[in-house]
Amino acid sequence: MMAIVEQVATLDEEFQELRRKHRAQSITRTARALRRWQRDGLIPGDLDPELTARALAAMIDHSLYLGIVQGDDPTGTERLLDTLDLLTHRALGLPPETGGGALG
């Protein structure tokens, strides 16, 4: 399904807009979580929540696309998801147990 969405989004303007809106919603949720974690002193206050959310979304989106759609992940989807989760937590300086998938 992810492959179809990506392919159609390159050809259809309406689908492109839907894809953009979905990404914007995801970034907004993540930036909101990042701001909350900054207020709680869990992550550094000098991180720009919006840019950090965009960078994390790009890493995750592209990794999932390559791993799932292109079949470029010999370890399997579950291991890829766990690794992305761990990378995200480490990049933010959060302990891994800070709620898997807590960005949102």
C-alpha atoms as a PDB file:
ATOM      1  CA  MET A   1       0.000   0.000   0.000  1.00  0.00           C
ATOM      2  CA  MET A   2       2.870   2.368   0.863  1.00  0.00           C
ATOM      3  CA  ALA A   3       4.354   1.857  -2.617  1.00  0.00           C
ATOM      4  CA  ILE A   4       1.054   2.717  -4.278  1.00  0.00           C
ATOM      5  CA  VAL A   5       0.638   5.861  -2.177  1.00  0.00           C
ATOM      6  CA  GLU A   6       4.152   7.044  -3.032  1.00  0.00           C
ATOM      7  CA  GLN A   7       3.743   6.310  -6.752  1.00  0.00           C
ATOM      8  CA  VAL A   8       0.341   7.953  -7.077  1.00  0.00           C
ATOM      9  CA  ALA A   9       1.537  10.998  -5.121  1.00  0.00           C
ATOM     10  CA  THR A  10       4.188  11.637  -7.772  1.00  0.00           C
ATOM     11  CA  LEU A  11       1.558  11.772 -10.521  1.00  0.00           C
ATOM     12  CA  ASP A  12      -1.621  13.132  -8.972  1.00  0.00           C
ATOM     13  CA  GLU A  13      -1.772  16.646  -7.465  1.00  0.00           C
ATOM     14  CA  GLU A  14      -4.706  15.809  -5.210  1.00  0.00           C
ATOM     15  CA  PHE A  15      -2.868  12.803  -3.834  1.00  0.00           C
ATOM     16  CA  GLN A  16       0.282  14.926  -3.402  1.00  0.00           C
ATOM     17  CA  GLU A  17      -1.726  17.346  -1.307  1.00  0.00           C
ATOM     18  CA  LEU A  18      -3.124  14.523   0.835  1.00  0.00           C
ATOM     19  CA  ARG A  19       0.402  13.202   1.347  1.00  0.00           C
ATOM     20  CA  ARG A  20       1.636  16.690   2.298  1.00  0.00           C
ATOM     21  CA  LYS A  21      -1.237  17.158   4.772  1.00  0.00           C
ATOM     22  CA  HIS A  22      -0.558  13.797   6.390  1.00  0.00           C
ATOM     23  CA  ARG A  23       3.139  14.650   6.757  1.00  0.00           C
ATOM     24  CA  ALA A  24       2.300  18.098   8.175  1.00  0.00           C
ATOM     25  CA  GLN A  25      -0.049  16.546  10.755  1.00  0.00           C
ATOM     26  CA  SER A  26       2.624  14.067  11.784  1.00  0.00           C
ATOM     27  CA  ILE A  27       5.238  16.815  12.116  1.00  0.00           C
ATOM     28  CA  THR A  28       2.835  18.965  14.155  1.00  0.00           C
ATOM     29  CA  ARG A  29       2.131  16.093  16.579  1.00  0.00           C
ATOM     30  CA  THR A  30       5.817  15.316  16.943  1.00  0.00           C
ATOM     31  CA  ALA A  31       6.780  18.985  17.454  1.00  0.00           C
ATOM     32  CA  ARG A  32       4.069  19.238  20.132  1.00  0.00           C
ATOM     33  CA  ALA A  33       5.532  16.206  21.936  1.00  0.00           C
ATOM     34  CA  LEU A  34       9.028  17.672  21.652  1.00  0.00           C
ATOM     35  CA  ARG A  35       7.885  20.985  23.177  1.00  0.00           C
ATOM     36  CA  ARG A  36       6.208  19.096  26.030  1.00  0.00           C
ATOM     37  CA  TRP A  37       9.387  17.094  26.644  1.00  0.00           C
ATOM     38  CA  GLN A  38      11.421  20.324  26.628  1.00  0.00           C
ATOM     39  CA  ARG A  39       9.095  21.878  29.225  1.00  0.00           C
ATOM     40  CA  ASP A  40       9.472  18.719  31.321  1.00  0.00           C
ATOM     41  CA  GLY A  41      13.265  18.906  31.008  1.00  0.00           C
ATOM     42  CA  LEU A  42      13.501  15.559  29.217  1.00  0.00           C
ATOM     43  CA  ILE A  43      15.208  16.829  26.066  1.00  0.00           C
ATOM     44  CA  PRO A  44      17.528  19.774  25.404  1.00  0.00           C
ATOM     45  CA  GLY A  45      15.829  23.138  25.175  1.00  0.00           C
ATOM     46  CA  ASP A  46      18.047  24.277  22.314  1.00  0.00           C
ATOM     47  CA  LEU A  47      16.496  21.816  19.835  1.00  0.00           C
ATOM     48  CA  ASP A  48      14.135  23.474  17.392  1.00  0.00           C
ATOM     49  CA  PRO A  49      10.977  21.332  17.766  1.00  0.00           C
ATOM     50  CA  GLU A  50       9.716  21.952  14.220  1.00  0.00           C
ATOM     51  CA  LEU A  51      13.039  21.252  12.481  1.00  0.00           C
ATOM     52  CA  THR A  52      13.724  18.273  14.730  1.00  0.00           C
ATOM     53  CA  ALA A  53      10.284  16.859  13.942  1.00  0.00           C
ATOM     54  CA  ARG A  54      10.924  17.317  10.200  1.00  0.00           C
ATOM     55  CA  ALA A  55      14.321  15.620  10.394  1.00  0.00           C
ATOM     56  CA  LEU A  56      12.966  12.672  12.375  1.00  0.00           C
ATOM     57  CA  ALA A  57      10.011  12.312  10.000  1.00  0.00           C
ATOM     58  CA  ALA A  58      12.330  12.283   6.994  1.00  0.00           C
ATOM     59  CA  MET A  59      14.563   9.622   8.571  1.00  0.00           C
ATOM     60  CA  ILE A  60      11.625   7.441   9.509  1.00  0.00           C
ATOM     61  CA  ASP A  61       9.650   7.903   6.258  1.00  0.00           C
ATOM     62  CA  HIS A  62      12.595   7.165   4.011  1.00  0.00           C
ATOM     63  CA  SER A  63      13.809   4.237   6.091  1.00  0.00           C
ATOM     64  CA  LEU A  64      10.340   2.682   6.009  1.00  0.00           C
ATOM     65  CA  TYR A  65      10.055   3.303   2.272  1.00  0.00           C
ATOM     66  CA  LEU A  66      13.416   1.657   1.588  1.00  0.00           C
ATOM     67  CA  GLY A  67      12.823  -1.183   4.014  1.00  0.00           C
ATOM     68  CA  ILE A  68       9.227  -2.024   3.244  1.00  0.00           C
ATOM     69  CA  VAL A  69       8.608  -0.859  -0.325  1.00  0.00           C
ATOM     70  CA  GLN A  70      12.052  -1.429  -1.816  1.00  0.00           C
ATOM     71  CA  GLY A  71      12.730  -4.538   0.267  1.00  0.00           C
ATOM     72  CA  ASP A  72      16.046  -3.086   1.392  1.00  0.00           C
ATOM     73  CA  ASP A  73      15.789  -4.432   4.950  1.00  0.00           C
ATOM     74  CA  PRO A  74      16.965  -8.008   5.331  1.00  0.00           C
ATOM     75  CA  THR A  75      16.318  -7.923   9.103  1.00  0.00           C
ATOM     76  CA  GLY A  76      12.548  -7.557   8.877  1.00  0.00           C
ATOM     77  CA  THR A  77      10.035  -4.811   9.570  1.00  0.00           C
ATOM     78  CA  GLU A  78       9.838  -5.332  13.326  1.00  0.00           C
ATOM     79  CA  ARG A  79      13.588  -4.962  13.770  1.00  0.00           C
ATOM     80  CA  LEU A  80      13.591  -1.883  11.521  1.00  0.00           C
ATOM     81  CA  LEU A  81      10.846  -0.274  13.620  1.00  0.00           C
ATOM     82  CA  ASP A  82      12.668  -1.085  16.856  1.00  0.00           C
ATOM     83  CA  THR A  83      15.889   0.399  15.473  1.00  0.00           C
ATOM     84  CA  LEU A  84      14.155   3.596  14.318  1.00  0.00           C
ATOM     85  CA  ASP A  85      12.543   3.926  17.731  1.00  0.00           C
ATOM     86  CA  LEU A  86      15.896   3.458  19.482  1.00  0.00           C
ATOM     87  CA  LEU A  87      17.651   5.921  17.147  1.00  0.00           C
ATOM     88  CA  THR A  88      14.957   8.524  17.768  1.00  0.00           C
ATOM     89  CA  HIS A  89      15.224   8.176  21.532  1.00  0.00           C
ATOM     90  CA  ARG A  90      19.014   8.315  21.471  1.00  0.00           C
ATOM     91  CA  ALA A  91      19.058  11.317  19.131  1.00  0.00           C
ATOM     92  CA  LEU A  92      16.825  13.174  21.588  1.00  0.00           C
ATOM     93  CA  GLY A  93      18.733  11.973  24.643  1.00  0.00           C
ATOM     94  CA  LEU A  94      15.721  10.061  25.963  1.00  0.00           C
ATOM     95  CA  PRO A  95      15.927   6.706  27.670  1.00  0.00           C
ATOM     96  CA  PRO A  96      14.553   3.926  25.412  1.00  0.00           C
ATOM     97  CA  GLU A  97      11.720   3.201  27.849  1.00  0.00           C
ATOM     98  CA  THR A  98      10.188   6.663  27.325  1.00  0.00           C
ATOM     99  CA  GLY A  99       7.204   5.087  25.622  1.00  0.00           C
ATOM    100  CA  GLY A 100       7.760   3.466  22.222  1.00  0.00           C
ATOM    101  CA  GLY A 101       6.082   5.557  19.569  1.00  0.00           C
ATOM    102  CA  ALA A 102       5.517   8.346  22.092  1.00  0.00           C
ATOM    103  CA  LEU A 103       6.063  11.056  19.491  1.00  0.00           C
ATOM    104  CA  GLY A 104       2.547  12.195  18.873  1.00  0.00           C
END
